[in-house]
Amino acid sequence: MIRALYIALLILVSLNARENPFFPAKGEKDIPYTTNQIQNIEPFKRSSITLPSSARIIKKVTIEYENLDATVEQTSIELKNRVDWHLPIFISQNFADTQFEEKPVVKKKVTQEFKEIASIKYAKFLESSKSLKIITEDKIIRNFLLVKPHRIVLDFKSDESVNSYSKENKESIFSKIRVGNHAGYYRTVIELDGLYRYNMQKLSDGYILNLR
């Protein structure tokens, strides 16, 4: 009698057993494999990235992350905004940073204020943000852009002799202004702190250069 019960129990167990109990049976959802390895990684708080001086528009932000199963994936957000490469871009994970109320932006009329950064006998150079005003009675006969370093060259027509001049402006976009004398004109070289394009406009009392 005992032997018959033992045989019946073996038959019952074999009917419910799987070939490999360590893998899910048919019909069960796959569960991603994880690891119990302890990693001493600091919680992410804040980081920053600095763009090169040629950057003008931010197009996309991509974050690469590691999952529980050690696979690596990416997620991105599409953007199209102007950026100032002088300022770093911050990435943070702080709930308090998201708790703000958007207020309507009130546009105020801003008067552009210029300050003098260099001066010679026949011209004064005044800056305001990315603009350089040149107060002079002399006519520009040519202007062009050179690289390494990025600099704008202006040739002013003049029959008068001009003394050589050099002025550094460490805190300015227009980092250095140099003037040299030539036959029939004097050359002004305006060194820039990065990569820019520019346009020039004639004013009643001189010229203005606008960087972009």
N, C-alpha and C. Protein backbone atom coordinates (compact mmCIF):
# COMPACT_ATOMS: atom_id res chain seq x y z
N MET A 1 0.83 -1.21 0.00
CA MET A 1 0.00 0.00 0.00
C MET A 1 0.87 1.26 0.00
N ILE A 2 1.92 1.26 0.86
CA ILE A 2 2.82 2.42 0.92
C ILE A 2 3.56 2.60 -0.39
N ARG A 3 3.94 1.45 -0.99
CA ARG A 3 4.67 1.52 -2.27
C ARG A 3 3.79 2.12 -3.36
N ALA A 4 2.50 1.80 -3.39
CA ALA A 4 1.58 2.33 -4.39
C ALA A 4 1.40 3.84 -4.24
N LEU A 5 1.33 4.31 -2.99
CA LEU A 5 1.21 5.76 -2.75
C LEU A 5 2.46 6.52 -3.20
N TYR A 6 3.62 5.90 -2.97
CA TYR A 6 4.90 6.55 -3.37
C TYR A 6 4.98 6.69 -4.89
N ILE A 7 4.57 5.67 -5.61
CA ILE A 7 4.60 5.72 -7.09
C ILE A 7 3.63 6.79 -7.61
N ALA A 8 2.44 6.88 -7.01
CA ALA A 8 1.44 7.88 -7.43
C ALA A 8 1.95 9.30 -7.20
N LEU A 9 2.69 9.51 -6.08
CA LEU A 9 3.23 10.84 -5.77
C LEU A 9 4.30 11.25 -6.79
N LEU A 10 5.14 10.30 -7.19
CA LEU A 10 6.18 10.59 -8.19
C LEU A 10 5.56 10.98 -9.52
N ILE A 11 4.49 10.28 -9.91
CA ILE A 11 3.81 10.60 -11.17
C ILE A 11 3.21 12.00 -11.13
N LEU A 12 2.62 12.38 -9.99
CA LEU A 12 1.99 13.70 -9.83
C LEU A 12 3.03 14.81 -9.91
N VAL A 13 4.18 14.65 -9.26
CA VAL A 13 5.25 15.67 -9.27
C VAL A 13 5.80 15.85 -10.67
N SER A 14 5.97 14.75 -11.41
CA SER A 14 6.55 14.84 -12.76
C SER A 14 5.62 15.56 -13.72
N LEU A 15 4.32 15.53 -13.49
CA LEU A 15 3.37 16.21 -14.37
C LEU A 15 3.48 17.73 -14.23
N ASN A 16 3.79 18.29 -13.03
CA ASN A 16 3.83 19.73 -12.79
C ASN A 16 5.23 20.33 -12.89
N ALA A 17 6.25 19.50 -13.03
CA ALA A 17 7.63 20.00 -13.04
C ALA A 17 7.96 20.61 -14.40
N ARG A 18 8.94 21.62 -14.43
CA ARG A 18 9.43 22.21 -15.66
C ARG A 18 10.85 21.72 -15.89
N GLU A 19 11.29 21.82 -17.15
CA GLU A 19 12.65 21.38 -17.46
C GLU A 19 13.67 22.19 -16.67
N ASN A 20 13.50 23.51 -16.64
CA ASN A 20 14.44 24.36 -15.91
C ASN A 20 13.64 25.34 -15.06
N PRO A 21 13.60 25.15 -13.76
CA PRO A 21 12.77 26.02 -12.90
C PRO A 21 13.32 27.43 -12.77
N PHE A 22 14.53 27.70 -13.29
CA PHE A 22 15.14 29.02 -13.15
C PHE A 22 14.73 29.98 -14.26
N PHE A 23 14.00 29.53 -15.28
CA PHE A 23 13.49 30.38 -16.35
C PHE A 23 11.97 30.37 -16.31
N PRO A 24 11.33 31.48 -16.72
CA PRO A 24 9.87 31.56 -16.65
C PRO A 24 9.20 30.56 -17.57
N ALA A 25 8.05 30.05 -17.15
CA ALA A 25 7.30 29.11 -17.96
C ALA A 25 6.59 29.85 -19.07
N LYS A 26 6.05 29.09 -20.05
CA LYS A 26 5.32 29.69 -21.16
C LYS A 26 4.11 30.45 -20.62
N GLY A 27 3.88 31.65 -21.19
CA GLY A 27 2.75 32.45 -20.76
C GLY A 27 3.10 33.46 -19.69
N GLU A 28 4.26 33.26 -19.03
CA GLU A 28 4.67 34.22 -18.03
C GLU A 28 5.46 35.34 -18.69
N LYS A 29 5.34 36.55 -18.16
CA LYS A 29 6.07 37.69 -18.70
C LYS A 29 7.53 37.62 -18.27
N ASP A 30 8.43 38.02 -19.19
CA ASP A 30 9.85 38.04 -18.87
C ASP A 30 10.14 39.14 -17.86
N ILE A 31 10.90 38.82 -16.88
CA ILE A 31 11.29 39.78 -15.86
C ILE A 31 12.75 40.16 -16.11
N PRO A 32 13.07 41.46 -16.24
CA PRO A 32 14.46 41.84 -16.50
C PRO A 32 15.37 41.40 -15.37
N TYR A 33 16.56 40.96 -15.76
CA TYR A 33 17.53 40.51 -14.77
C TYR A 33 18.16 41.71 -14.09
N THR A 34 18.27 41.70 -12.80
CA THR A 34 18.90 42.78 -12.05
C THR A 34 20.09 42.23 -11.30
N THR A 35 20.83 43.13 -10.70
CA THR A 35 21.99 42.71 -9.94
C THR A 35 21.86 43.18 -8.50
N ASN A 36 22.39 42.38 -7.57
CA ASN A 36 22.39 42.74 -6.16
C ASN A 36 23.70 43.40 -5.75
N GLN A 37 24.57 43.65 -6.72
CA GLN A 37 25.86 44.27 -6.42
C GLN A 37 25.65 45.70 -5.92
N ILE A 38 26.26 46.03 -4.81
CA ILE A 38 26.12 47.35 -4.21
C ILE A 38 27.16 48.29 -4.81
N GLN A 39 26.69 49.42 -5.39
CA GLN A 39 27.60 50.40 -5.97
C GLN A 39 27.56 51.67 -5.12
N ASN A 40 28.73 52.12 -4.71
CA ASN A 40 28.82 53.35 -3.92
C ASN A 40 28.89 54.55 -4.85
N ILE A 41 27.74 54.96 -5.36
CA ILE A 41 27.65 56.09 -6.28
C ILE A 41 26.88 57.21 -5.60
N GLU A 42 27.45 58.40 -5.64
CA GLU A 42 26.81 59.55 -5.03
C GLU A 42 25.53 59.93 -5.78
N PRO A 43 24.49 60.38 -5.09
CA PRO A 43 23.26 60.85 -5.76
C PRO A 43 23.58 62.06 -6.63
N PHE A 44 22.95 62.12 -7.80
CA PHE A 44 23.16 63.24 -8.70
C PHE A 44 22.48 64.49 -8.13
N LYS A 45 23.20 65.59 -8.13
CA LYS A 45 22.65 66.86 -7.65
C LYS A 45 22.66 67.90 -8.76
N ARG A 46 23.86 68.27 -9.19
CA ARG A 46 23.96 69.32 -10.19
C ARG A 46 25.28 69.21 -10.94
N SER A 47 25.22 69.53 -12.22
CA SER A 47 26.43 69.54 -13.03
C SER A 47 26.28 70.63 -14.09
N SER A 48 27.35 70.94 -14.77
CA SER A 48 27.30 72.00 -15.77
C SER A 48 28.16 71.63 -16.97
N ILE A 49 27.87 72.26 -18.09
CA ILE A 49 28.63 72.06 -19.31
C ILE A 49 28.86 73.42 -19.95
N THR A 50 30.06 73.61 -20.48
CA THR A 50 30.42 74.87 -21.12
C THR A 50 30.49 74.67 -22.63
N LEU A 51 29.84 75.54 -23.37
CA LEU A 51 29.81 75.44 -24.83
C LEU A 51 30.98 76.19 -25.44
N PRO A 52 31.39 75.81 -26.66
CA PRO A 52 32.45 76.55 -27.35
C PRO A 52 31.94 77.91 -27.80
N SER A 53 32.86 78.81 -28.14
CA SER A 53 32.48 80.18 -28.48
C SER A 53 31.73 80.28 -29.80
N SER A 54 31.70 79.20 -30.58
CA SER A 54 30.96 79.22 -31.84
C SER A 54 29.48 78.88 -31.67
N ALA A 55 29.07 78.42 -30.47
CA ALA A 55 27.69 78.00 -30.23
C ALA A 55 26.75 79.20 -30.17
N ARG A 56 25.60 79.08 -30.83
CA ARG A 56 24.61 80.15 -30.83
C ARG A 56 23.19 79.64 -30.52
N ILE A 57 22.87 78.40 -30.94
CA ILE A 57 21.52 77.85 -30.73
C ILE A 57 21.65 76.45 -30.14
N ILE A 58 20.90 76.18 -29.07
CA ILE A 58 20.87 74.84 -28.50
C ILE A 58 19.73 74.07 -29.16
N LYS A 59 20.05 72.90 -29.72
CA LYS A 59 19.09 72.14 -30.52
C LYS A 59 18.50 70.94 -29.77
N LYS A 60 19.30 70.29 -28.95
CA LYS A 60 18.84 69.06 -28.30
C LYS A 60 19.66 68.81 -27.04
N VAL A 61 19.01 68.22 -26.03
CA VAL A 61 19.70 67.76 -24.83
C VAL A 61 19.47 66.25 -24.71
N THR A 62 20.54 65.49 -24.63
CA THR A 62 20.46 64.03 -24.57
C THR A 62 21.08 63.54 -23.26
N ILE A 63 20.38 62.64 -22.57
CA ILE A 63 20.88 62.05 -21.33
C ILE A 63 21.02 60.54 -21.54
N GLU A 64 22.18 60.04 -21.24
CA GLU A 64 22.42 58.60 -21.32
C GLU A 64 22.39 58.04 -19.91
N TYR A 65 21.63 56.96 -19.70
CA TYR A 65 21.46 56.43 -18.35
C TYR A 65 21.56 54.91 -18.37
N GLU A 66 21.82 54.34 -17.18
CA GLU A 66 21.95 52.89 -17.02
C GLU A 66 20.73 52.36 -16.28
N ASN A 67 20.14 51.28 -16.79
CA ASN A 67 18.96 50.67 -16.17
C ASN A 67 19.36 49.68 -15.07
N LEU A 68 18.34 49.13 -14.41
CA LEU A 68 18.59 48.14 -13.37
C LEU A 68 19.32 46.91 -13.89
N ASP A 69 19.05 46.56 -15.15
CA ASP A 69 19.67 45.36 -15.71
C ASP A 69 21.01 45.67 -16.38
N ALA A 70 21.56 46.88 -16.12
CA ALA A 70 22.87 47.31 -16.63
C ALA A 70 22.87 47.66 -18.11
N THR A 71 21.71 47.65 -18.77
CA THR A 71 21.66 48.13 -20.15
C THR A 71 21.71 49.65 -20.15
N VAL A 72 22.22 50.21 -21.22
CA VAL A 72 22.39 51.66 -21.33
C VAL A 72 21.48 52.19 -22.43
N GLU A 73 20.70 53.22 -22.11
CA GLU A 73 19.78 53.83 -23.07
C GLU A 73 19.91 55.34 -23.02
N GLN A 74 19.22 56.01 -23.95
CA GLN A 74 19.26 57.46 -24.03
C GLN A 74 17.85 58.03 -24.11
N THR A 75 17.70 59.23 -23.62
CA THR A 75 16.45 59.98 -23.81
C THR A 75 16.83 61.41 -24.15
N SER A 76 16.06 62.05 -25.02
CA SER A 76 16.41 63.38 -25.51
C SER A 76 15.22 64.32 -25.45
N ILE A 77 15.52 65.60 -25.41
CA ILE A 77 14.49 66.63 -25.52
C ILE A 77 14.93 67.59 -26.61
N GLU A 78 14.03 67.86 -27.54
CA GLU A 78 14.32 68.76 -28.65
C GLU A 78 14.13 70.21 -28.21
N LEU A 79 15.07 71.06 -28.58
CA LEU A 79 15.02 72.47 -28.23
C LEU A 79 15.40 73.31 -29.44
N LYS A 80 15.11 74.58 -29.37
CA LYS A 80 15.58 75.54 -30.37
C LYS A 80 15.57 76.91 -29.72
N ASN A 81 16.65 77.17 -28.98
CA ASN A 81 16.76 78.42 -28.23
C ASN A 81 18.16 79.02 -28.39
N ARG A 82 18.21 80.33 -28.38
CA ARG A 82 19.51 81.00 -28.43
C ARG A 82 20.24 80.82 -27.10
N VAL A 83 21.56 80.72 -27.17
CA VAL A 83 22.37 80.59 -25.97
C VAL A 83 23.53 81.56 -26.02
N ASP A 84 23.97 81.94 -24.83
CA ASP A 84 25.17 82.76 -24.69
C ASP A 84 26.29 81.84 -24.23
N TRP A 85 27.27 81.60 -25.10
CA TRP A 85 28.31 80.63 -24.78
C TRP A 85 29.18 81.06 -23.59
N HIS A 86 29.12 82.34 -23.20
CA HIS A 86 29.88 82.78 -22.03
C HIS A 86 29.37 82.12 -20.74
N LEU A 87 28.09 81.74 -20.72
CA LEU A 87 27.46 81.20 -19.52
C LEU A 87 27.36 79.68 -19.60
N PRO A 88 27.64 78.96 -18.50
CA PRO A 88 27.50 77.50 -18.51
C PRO A 88 26.04 77.08 -18.52
N ILE A 89 25.77 75.87 -19.00
CA ILE A 89 24.43 75.27 -18.95
C ILE A 89 24.40 74.27 -17.80
N PHE A 90 23.44 74.44 -16.88
CA PHE A 90 23.38 73.60 -15.69
C PHE A 90 22.35 72.49 -15.87
N ILE A 91 22.69 71.32 -15.32
CA ILE A 91 21.78 70.17 -15.27
C ILE A 91 21.61 69.83 -13.79
N SER A 92 20.37 69.79 -13.31
CA SER A 92 20.17 69.51 -11.89
C SER A 92 18.96 68.61 -11.69
N GLN A 93 18.94 67.94 -10.55
CA GLN A 93 17.80 67.12 -10.15
C GLN A 93 17.39 67.56 -8.76
N ASN A 94 16.53 68.56 -8.74
CA ASN A 94 16.09 69.15 -7.49
C ASN A 94 14.61 69.47 -7.62
N PHE A 95 13.80 68.83 -6.81
CA PHE A 95 12.36 69.02 -6.90
C PHE A 95 11.97 70.47 -6.69
N ALA A 96 12.72 71.17 -5.86
CA ALA A 96 12.40 72.58 -5.57
C ALA A 96 12.55 73.44 -6.82
N ASP A 97 13.46 73.03 -7.73
CA ASP A 97 13.67 73.81 -8.95
C ASP A 97 12.45 73.82 -9.86
N THR A 98 11.58 72.80 -9.71
CA THR A 98 10.42 72.71 -10.59
C THR A 98 9.19 73.40 -10.02
N GLN A 99 9.29 73.84 -8.77
CA GLN A 99 8.14 74.45 -8.13
C GLN A 99 8.18 75.97 -8.29
N PHE A 100 7.78 76.44 -9.43
CA PHE A 100 7.74 77.87 -9.65
C PHE A 100 6.51 78.21 -10.46
N GLU A 101 6.11 79.42 -10.33
CA GLU A 101 4.93 79.90 -11.05
C GLU A 101 5.37 80.81 -12.18
N GLU A 102 4.94 80.47 -13.37
CA GLU A 102 5.31 81.28 -14.52
C GLU A 102 4.54 82.60 -14.48
N LYS A 103 5.27 83.69 -14.56
CA LYS A 103 4.67 85.01 -14.55
C LYS A 103 4.79 85.63 -15.93
N PRO A 104 3.81 86.40 -16.31
CA PRO A 104 3.88 87.03 -17.63
C PRO A 104 5.08 87.96 -17.72
N VAL A 105 5.76 87.89 -18.87
CA VAL A 105 6.94 88.71 -19.08
C VAL A 105 6.52 90.09 -19.55
N VAL A 106 6.96 91.09 -18.83
CA VAL A 106 6.65 92.47 -19.20
C VAL A 106 7.89 93.06 -19.87
N LYS A 107 7.75 93.38 -21.14
CA LYS A 107 8.87 93.91 -21.89
C LYS A 107 9.03 95.40 -21.59
N LYS A 108 10.23 95.75 -21.18
CA LYS A 108 10.53 97.14 -20.89
C LYS A 108 11.47 97.69 -21.97
N LYS A 109 11.26 98.93 -22.27
CA LYS A 109 12.12 99.58 -23.24
C LYS A 109 13.46 99.88 -22.59
N VAL A 110 14.52 99.26 -23.13
CA VAL A 110 15.84 99.39 -22.56
C VAL A 110 16.67 100.33 -23.41
N THR A 111 17.25 101.33 -22.76
CA THR A 111 18.12 102.26 -23.47
C THR A 111 19.54 101.70 -23.46
N GLN A 112 20.13 101.56 -24.63
CA GLN A 112 21.46 101.00 -24.73
C GLN A 112 22.49 102.02 -24.23
N GLU A 113 23.25 101.60 -23.23
CA GLU A 113 24.25 102.48 -22.65
C GLU A 113 25.65 102.01 -23.08
N PHE A 114 26.45 102.94 -23.54
CA PHE A 114 27.79 102.64 -24.00
C PHE A 114 28.82 103.18 -23.02
N LYS A 115 29.93 102.46 -22.90
CA LYS A 115 31.05 102.96 -22.10
C LYS A 115 32.32 102.91 -22.94
N GLU A 116 33.17 103.89 -22.74
CA GLU A 116 34.39 104.00 -23.53
C GLU A 116 35.42 102.96 -23.08
N ILE A 117 35.99 102.24 -24.06
CA ILE A 117 37.01 101.23 -23.74
C ILE A 117 38.34 101.53 -24.40
N ALA A 118 38.37 102.48 -25.34
CA ALA A 118 39.63 102.86 -25.98
C ALA A 118 39.45 104.20 -26.67
N SER A 119 40.58 104.90 -26.89
CA SER A 119 40.48 106.22 -27.51
C SER A 119 41.81 106.60 -28.14
N ILE A 120 41.77 107.15 -29.36
CA ILE A 120 42.93 107.74 -30.01
C ILE A 120 42.55 109.15 -30.44
N LYS A 121 43.47 109.85 -31.06
CA LYS A 121 43.22 111.24 -31.42
C LYS A 121 42.03 111.40 -32.35
N TYR A 122 41.84 110.43 -33.28
CA TYR A 122 40.82 110.59 -34.31
C TYR A 122 39.60 109.68 -34.12
N ALA A 123 39.57 108.90 -33.06
CA ALA A 123 38.43 107.99 -32.87
C ALA A 123 38.29 107.57 -31.41
N LYS A 124 37.04 107.35 -31.01
CA LYS A 124 36.74 106.81 -29.70
C LYS A 124 35.96 105.51 -29.87
N PHE A 125 36.21 104.54 -29.00
CA PHE A 125 35.58 103.22 -29.09
C PHE A 125 34.76 102.98 -27.82
N LEU A 126 33.45 102.77 -28.01
CA LEU A 126 32.54 102.57 -26.88
C LEU A 126 31.78 101.26 -27.07
N GLU A 127 31.66 100.49 -25.99
CA GLU A 127 30.99 99.19 -26.08
C GLU A 127 29.70 99.17 -25.29
N SER A 128 28.78 98.29 -25.74
CA SER A 128 27.56 97.98 -25.01
C SER A 128 27.14 96.58 -25.41
N SER A 129 27.33 95.63 -24.49
CA SER A 129 27.02 94.23 -24.77
C SER A 129 27.81 93.76 -25.99
N LYS A 130 27.13 93.41 -27.08
CA LYS A 130 27.81 92.91 -28.27
C LYS A 130 27.93 93.98 -29.36
N SER A 131 27.84 95.23 -28.98
CA SER A 131 27.94 96.33 -29.94
C SER A 131 29.15 97.20 -29.62
N LEU A 132 29.80 97.69 -30.67
CA LEU A 132 30.92 98.60 -30.52
C LEU A 132 30.67 99.83 -31.38
N LYS A 133 30.58 100.98 -30.72
CA LYS A 133 30.36 102.23 -31.43
C LYS A 133 31.71 102.93 -31.60
N ILE A 134 31.96 103.38 -32.82
CA ILE A 134 33.20 104.09 -33.12
C ILE A 134 32.83 105.52 -33.52
N ILE A 135 33.19 106.46 -32.67
CA ILE A 135 32.91 107.87 -32.94
C ILE A 135 34.11 108.46 -33.67
N THR A 136 33.92 108.84 -34.93
CA THR A 136 35.00 109.36 -35.73
C THR A 136 34.44 110.13 -36.93
N GLU A 137 35.24 111.04 -37.46
CA GLU A 137 34.88 111.75 -38.68
C GLU A 137 35.53 111.11 -39.91
N ASP A 138 36.38 110.14 -39.67
CA ASP A 138 37.09 109.48 -40.76
C ASP A 138 36.22 108.40 -41.41
N LYS A 139 36.44 108.19 -42.69
CA LYS A 139 35.63 107.24 -43.45
C LYS A 139 36.31 105.88 -43.49
N ILE A 140 35.50 104.81 -43.28
CA ILE A 140 36.03 103.45 -43.41
C ILE A 140 36.11 103.10 -44.90
N ILE A 141 37.29 102.70 -45.34
CA ILE A 141 37.46 102.35 -46.76
C ILE A 141 37.40 100.84 -46.99
N ARG A 142 37.61 100.06 -45.95
CA ARG A 142 37.45 98.61 -46.05
C ARG A 142 37.31 98.02 -44.64
N ASN A 143 36.63 96.87 -44.58
CA ASN A 143 36.53 96.14 -43.31
C ASN A 143 36.38 94.66 -43.61
N PHE A 144 36.96 93.83 -42.78
CA PHE A 144 36.91 92.38 -43.00
C PHE A 144 37.23 91.65 -41.69
N LEU A 145 36.96 90.33 -41.71
CA LEU A 145 37.13 89.49 -40.52
C LEU A 145 38.28 88.52 -40.74
N LEU A 146 39.13 88.37 -39.74
CA LEU A 146 40.22 87.40 -39.76
C LEU A 146 40.06 86.45 -38.57
N VAL A 147 40.71 85.28 -38.66
CA VAL A 147 40.60 84.28 -37.59
C VAL A 147 41.97 83.98 -36.99
N LYS A 148 41.94 83.29 -35.86
CA LYS A 148 43.14 82.84 -35.14
C LYS A 148 44.08 84.00 -34.82
N PRO A 149 43.72 84.89 -33.93
CA PRO A 149 42.43 84.97 -33.22
C PRO A 149 41.39 85.68 -34.07
N HIS A 150 40.11 85.52 -33.69
CA HIS A 150 39.03 86.20 -34.39
C HIS A 150 39.17 87.70 -34.18
N ARG A 151 39.21 88.44 -35.27
CA ARG A 151 39.39 89.88 -35.16
C ARG A 151 38.80 90.59 -36.36
N ILE A 152 38.31 91.79 -36.12
CA ILE A 152 37.74 92.64 -37.17
C ILE A 152 38.77 93.70 -37.52
N VAL A 153 39.00 93.86 -38.82
CA VAL A 153 39.97 94.84 -39.29
C VAL A 153 39.22 95.98 -39.99
N LEU A 154 39.51 97.21 -39.58
CA LEU A 154 38.89 98.40 -40.15
C LEU A 154 39.99 99.34 -40.63
N ASP A 155 39.91 99.76 -41.87
CA ASP A 155 40.85 100.73 -42.41
C ASP A 155 40.16 102.07 -42.59
N PHE A 156 40.67 103.10 -41.91
CA PHE A 156 40.09 104.44 -41.97
C PHE A 156 40.96 105.34 -42.86
N LYS A 157 40.32 106.02 -43.79
CA LYS A 157 41.04 106.94 -44.68
C LYS A 157 41.54 108.14 -43.89
N SER A 158 42.82 108.46 -44.05
CA SER A 158 43.39 109.60 -43.34
C SER A 158 44.75 109.95 -43.95
N ASP A 159 44.96 111.25 -44.14
CA ASP A 159 46.25 111.73 -44.62
C ASP A 159 47.16 112.14 -43.47
N GLU A 160 46.61 112.12 -42.25
CA GLU A 160 47.38 112.48 -41.06
C GLU A 160 48.09 111.24 -40.51
N SER A 161 49.22 111.46 -39.90
CA SER A 161 49.96 110.37 -39.27
C SER A 161 49.32 110.02 -37.93
N VAL A 162 49.19 108.75 -37.66
CA VAL A 162 48.57 108.27 -36.41
C VAL A 162 49.60 107.45 -35.64
N ASN A 163 49.73 107.72 -34.37
CA ASN A 163 50.65 106.97 -33.52
C ASN A 163 50.12 105.55 -33.28
N SER A 164 51.03 104.63 -33.16
CA SER A 164 50.64 103.25 -32.85
C SER A 164 49.98 103.21 -31.47
N TYR A 165 48.97 102.32 -31.35
CA TYR A 165 48.17 102.28 -30.12
C TYR A 165 47.74 100.85 -29.86
N SER A 166 47.70 100.46 -28.59
CA SER A 166 47.22 99.13 -28.21
C SER A 166 46.58 99.21 -26.83
N LYS A 167 45.39 98.61 -26.71
CA LYS A 167 44.65 98.64 -25.43
C LYS A 167 43.96 97.30 -25.22
N GLU A 168 44.25 96.66 -24.08
CA GLU A 168 43.60 95.39 -23.72
C GLU A 168 42.38 95.67 -22.86
N ASN A 169 41.33 94.87 -23.09
CA ASN A 169 40.09 94.96 -22.30
C ASN A 169 39.71 93.54 -21.87
N LYS A 170 40.27 93.09 -20.75
CA LYS A 170 40.13 91.70 -20.34
C LYS A 170 38.69 91.29 -20.05
N GLU A 171 37.86 92.21 -19.58
CA GLU A 171 36.48 91.89 -19.22
C GLU A 171 35.50 92.14 -20.37
N SER A 172 36.01 92.46 -21.54
CA SER A 172 35.15 92.85 -22.66
C SER A 172 35.17 91.79 -23.76
N ILE A 173 34.07 91.72 -24.52
CA ILE A 173 34.04 90.90 -25.73
C ILE A 173 35.09 91.41 -26.73
N PHE A 174 35.26 92.73 -26.77
CA PHE A 174 36.27 93.35 -27.63
C PHE A 174 37.57 93.41 -26.83
N SER A 175 38.28 92.28 -26.81
CA SER A 175 39.34 92.06 -25.83
C SER A 175 40.59 92.89 -26.06
N LYS A 176 40.82 93.33 -27.28
CA LYS A 176 42.01 94.14 -27.55
C LYS A 176 41.77 95.01 -28.78
N ILE A 177 42.21 96.26 -28.70
CA ILE A 177 42.09 97.19 -29.83
C ILE A 177 43.48 97.72 -30.16
N ARG A 178 43.88 97.55 -31.42
CA ARG A 178 45.19 98.00 -31.86
C ARG A 178 45.04 98.93 -33.06
N VAL A 179 45.88 99.94 -33.12
CA VAL A 179 45.85 100.90 -34.22
C VAL A 179 47.27 101.07 -34.76
N GLY A 180 47.39 101.04 -36.08
CA GLY A 180 48.69 101.23 -36.72
C GLY A 180 48.58 102.16 -37.91
N ASN A 181 49.63 102.90 -38.18
CA ASN A 181 49.63 103.90 -39.25
C ASN A 181 50.09 103.30 -40.58
N HIS A 182 49.43 103.71 -41.69
CA HIS A 182 49.81 103.30 -43.05
C HIS A 182 49.70 104.52 -43.96
N ALA A 183 50.26 104.42 -45.14
CA ALA A 183 50.20 105.54 -46.09
C ALA A 183 48.78 105.74 -46.58
N GLY A 184 48.16 106.86 -46.24
CA GLY A 184 46.82 107.21 -46.68
C GLY A 184 45.71 106.66 -45.81
N TYR A 185 46.02 105.86 -44.81
CA TYR A 185 44.99 105.33 -43.92
C TYR A 185 45.64 104.82 -42.64
N TYR A 186 44.81 104.61 -41.62
CA TYR A 186 45.28 103.92 -40.42
C TYR A 186 44.38 102.72 -40.18
N ARG A 187 45.00 101.64 -39.71
CA ARG A 187 44.28 100.37 -39.53
C ARG A 187 43.97 100.13 -38.07
N THR A 188 42.71 99.78 -37.81
CA THR A 188 42.27 99.42 -36.46
C THR A 188 41.92 97.94 -36.44
N VAL A 189 42.55 97.20 -35.54
CA VAL A 189 42.29 95.77 -35.39
C VAL A 189 41.59 95.55 -34.05
N ILE A 190 40.39 94.96 -34.10
CA ILE A 190 39.59 94.72 -32.90
C ILE A 190 39.56 93.21 -32.65
N GLU A 191 40.31 92.76 -31.66
CA GLU A 191 40.34 91.34 -31.33
C GLU A 191 39.12 90.99 -30.47
N LEU A 192 38.53 89.81 -30.75
CA LEU A 192 37.32 89.35 -30.05
C LEU A 192 37.64 88.19 -29.13
N ASP A 193 36.79 87.97 -28.13
CA ASP A 193 37.05 86.90 -27.15
C ASP A 193 36.56 85.54 -27.60
N GLY A 194 35.99 85.44 -28.81
CA GLY A 194 35.50 84.16 -29.32
C GLY A 194 35.16 84.29 -30.79
N LEU A 195 34.33 83.35 -31.26
CA LEU A 195 33.94 83.32 -32.67
C LEU A 195 32.64 84.09 -32.87
N TYR A 196 32.65 85.03 -33.81
CA TYR A 196 31.47 85.86 -34.08
C TYR A 196 31.39 86.18 -35.57
N ARG A 197 30.17 86.56 -35.98
CA ARG A 197 29.96 87.27 -37.23
C ARG A 197 29.57 88.70 -36.84
N TYR A 198 29.61 89.60 -37.81
CA TYR A 198 29.28 90.98 -37.47
C TYR A 198 28.64 91.69 -38.65
N ASN A 199 27.92 92.75 -38.34
CA ASN A 199 27.47 93.68 -39.38
C ASN A 199 27.81 95.09 -38.92
N MET A 200 27.92 95.99 -39.88
CA MET A 200 28.33 97.36 -39.57
C MET A 200 27.32 98.34 -40.14
N GLN A 201 27.02 99.38 -39.37
CA GLN A 201 26.08 100.42 -39.80
C GLN A 201 26.74 101.79 -39.66
N LYS A 202 26.38 102.68 -40.59
CA LYS A 202 26.89 104.05 -40.55
C LYS A 202 26.00 104.88 -39.64
N LEU A 203 26.61 105.66 -38.76
CA LEU A 203 25.90 106.57 -37.88
C LEU A 203 26.24 108.01 -38.25
N SER A 204 25.49 108.93 -37.68
CA SER A 204 25.75 110.34 -37.97
C SER A 204 27.11 110.79 -37.44
N ASP A 205 27.56 110.12 -36.35
CA ASP A 205 28.85 110.52 -35.76
C ASP A 205 29.90 109.42 -35.86
N GLY A 206 29.68 108.43 -36.73
CA GLY A 206 30.67 107.37 -36.88
C GLY A 206 30.07 106.07 -37.38
N TYR A 207 30.37 104.98 -36.71
CA TYR A 207 29.93 103.65 -37.12
C TYR A 207 29.59 102.82 -35.88
N ILE A 208 28.82 101.75 -36.11
CA ILE A 208 28.55 100.79 -35.03
C ILE A 208 28.69 99.38 -35.59
N LEU A 209 29.39 98.53 -34.83
CA LEU A 209 29.56 97.12 -35.16
C LEU A 209 28.67 96.30 -34.23
N ASN A 210 27.89 95.39 -34.78
CA ASN A 210 27.03 94.50 -33.99
C ASN A 210 27.46 93.06 -34.21
N LEU A 211 27.84 92.40 -33.14
CA LEU A 211 28.27 90.99 -33.23
C LEU A 211 27.06 90.08 -33.10
N ARG A 212 27.16 88.89 -33.68
CA ARG A 212 26.11 87.89 -33.54
C ARG A 212 26.70 86.49 -33.60
